[in-house]
Amino acid sequence: MAITINIYYSGKNGNARKFAEEMISGGIVKDIRAEEGNLRYEYFFPVDDPQTVLLIDSWQDQLSLDKHHASPMMAEIAELRNKYDLHMKVERYISDEGGIPATDKSYIRK
């Protein structure tokens, strides 16, 4: 049962993108990806909203996510969010253990 969290970081004057860039250049993203239980940690930029960055953050289970939240990195992340005055919208998803239904697979091009 994987847990995936979509976090939309929004700010002004390109600050969301600057935040993501500093997360990467500062090594925080690399450290998070190395944490036990992390499955994915990637930033995306919406084509129609230059002031928002989407983070897709996926974890093996709730215990892995709890350990991440208790790590010192969370204070660093919070400090950067404050530095860039970002606001967040969060969506949380739990994986479907059954996988993609056959009826949906016909729409997927490989």
Protein backbone atom coordinates (compact mmCIF):
# COMPACT_ATOMS: atom_id res chain seq x y z
CA MET A 1 0.00 0.00 0.00
CA ALA A 2 1.90 3.05 -1.23
CA ILE A 3 0.93 6.54 -0.12
CA THR A 4 1.28 9.35 -2.63
CA ILE A 5 0.98 12.99 -1.70
CA ASN A 6 0.59 15.73 -4.28
CA ILE A 7 1.69 19.07 -2.88
CA TYR A 8 1.01 22.20 -4.90
CA TYR A 9 3.38 24.95 -3.76
CA SER A 10 2.23 28.42 -4.83
CA GLY A 11 3.88 31.78 -4.43
CA LYS A 12 4.68 35.01 -6.22
CA ASN A 13 7.51 36.18 -8.46
CA GLY A 14 8.63 32.65 -9.34
CA ASN A 15 9.23 31.74 -5.70
CA ALA A 16 7.74 28.24 -5.98
CA ARG A 17 10.21 27.38 -8.72
CA LYS A 18 13.08 28.97 -6.75
CA PHE A 19 12.08 26.83 -3.76
CA ALA A 20 12.18 23.62 -5.83
CA GLU A 21 15.52 24.61 -7.34
CA GLU A 22 17.01 25.25 -3.89
CA MET A 23 15.61 21.96 -2.59
CA ILE A 24 17.49 20.22 -5.41
CA SER A 25 20.72 22.26 -5.36
CA GLY A 26 20.92 22.11 -1.56
CA GLY A 27 20.84 18.30 -1.60
CA ILE A 28 17.60 17.97 0.36
CA VAL A 29 15.84 16.18 -2.50
CA LYS A 30 18.72 13.72 -2.84
CA ASP A 31 18.59 13.01 0.90
CA ILE A 32 14.81 12.48 0.86
CA ARG A 33 15.06 10.10 -2.08
CA ALA A 34 17.65 8.10 -0.11
CA GLU A 35 15.34 7.70 2.89
CA GLU A 36 14.07 4.20 3.55
CA GLY A 37 10.58 3.81 2.14
CA ASN A 38 10.70 6.72 -0.32
CA LEU A 39 9.38 5.66 -3.71
CA ARG A 40 9.25 8.99 -5.52
CA TYR A 41 10.05 12.64 -4.91
CA GLU A 42 9.72 14.76 -8.05
CA TYR A 43 8.81 18.32 -8.94
CA PHE A 44 6.69 19.31 -11.93
CA PHE A 45 5.77 22.70 -13.35
CA PRO A 46 2.20 23.25 -14.60
CA VAL A 47 2.19 24.68 -18.11
CA ASP A 48 -0.64 27.10 -17.39
CA ASP A 49 0.45 28.31 -13.92
CA PRO A 50 4.03 29.66 -13.65
CA GLN A 51 3.55 30.49 -9.95
CA THR A 52 2.91 26.87 -8.87
CA VAL A 53 5.09 23.79 -8.53
CA LEU A 54 3.68 20.29 -8.06
CA LEU A 55 5.59 17.85 -5.85
CA ILE A 56 4.71 14.18 -6.20
CA ASP A 57 5.91 12.53 -3.01
CA SER A 58 5.35 8.78 -2.64
CA TRP A 59 6.13 6.48 0.28
CA GLN A 60 6.04 2.73 0.84
CA ASP A 61 3.76 3.01 3.89
CA GLN A 62 2.61 5.30 6.70
CA LEU A 63 5.54 4.34 8.95
CA SER A 64 8.05 5.49 6.30
CA LEU A 65 6.15 8.75 5.88
CA ASP A 66 6.00 9.28 9.66
CA LYS A 67 9.78 8.77 9.92
CA HIS A 68 10.31 11.31 7.16
CA HIS A 69 8.06 13.81 8.91
CA ALA A 70 10.05 13.34 12.13
CA SER A 71 13.40 13.83 10.37
CA PRO A 72 15.51 17.00 10.65
CA MET A 73 14.90 17.61 6.93
CA MET A 74 11.34 18.71 7.69
CA ALA A 75 12.67 21.75 9.57
CA GLU A 76 14.85 22.63 6.57
CA ILE A 77 11.89 22.28 4.23
CA ALA A 78 9.69 24.45 6.47
CA GLU A 79 12.43 27.09 6.61
CA LEU A 80 12.62 27.19 2.81
CA ARG A 81 8.82 27.37 2.49
CA ASN A 82 8.88 30.39 4.81
CA LYS A 83 11.83 31.94 2.97
CA TYR A 84 9.86 31.84 -0.30
CA ASP A 85 6.49 32.61 1.36
CA LEU A 86 4.78 29.59 -0.18
CA HIS A 87 1.26 28.31 0.33
CA MET A 88 0.29 24.68 -0.08
CA LYS A 89 -2.61 22.63 -1.34
CA VAL A 90 -2.26 18.94 -0.46
CA GLU A 91 -3.90 15.82 -1.89
CA ARG A 92 -3.29 12.35 -0.48
CA TYR A 93 -3.79 9.05 -2.32
CA ILE A 94 -3.44 5.41 -1.31
CA SER A 95 -2.51 2.98 -4.06
CA ASP A 96 -5.00 0.51 -5.40
CA GLU A 97 -3.50 -2.91 -4.70
CA GLY A 98 -5.40 -4.39 -7.63
CA GLY A 99 -3.48 -2.29 -10.15
CA ILE A 100 -4.93 -0.75 -13.28
CA PRO A 101 -8.24 -2.37 -14.33
CA ALA A 102 -8.33 -4.02 -17.75
CA THR A 103 -11.02 -1.55 -18.84
CA ASP A 104 -8.58 1.34 -18.25
CA LYS A 105 -5.54 -0.35 -19.77
CA SER A 106 -6.95 0.04 -23.29
CA TYR A 107 -6.44 3.83 -22.95
CA ILE A 108 -2.76 3.55 -22.08
CA ARG A 109 -0.24 3.81 -24.87
CA LYS A 110 3.13 2.27 -24.15
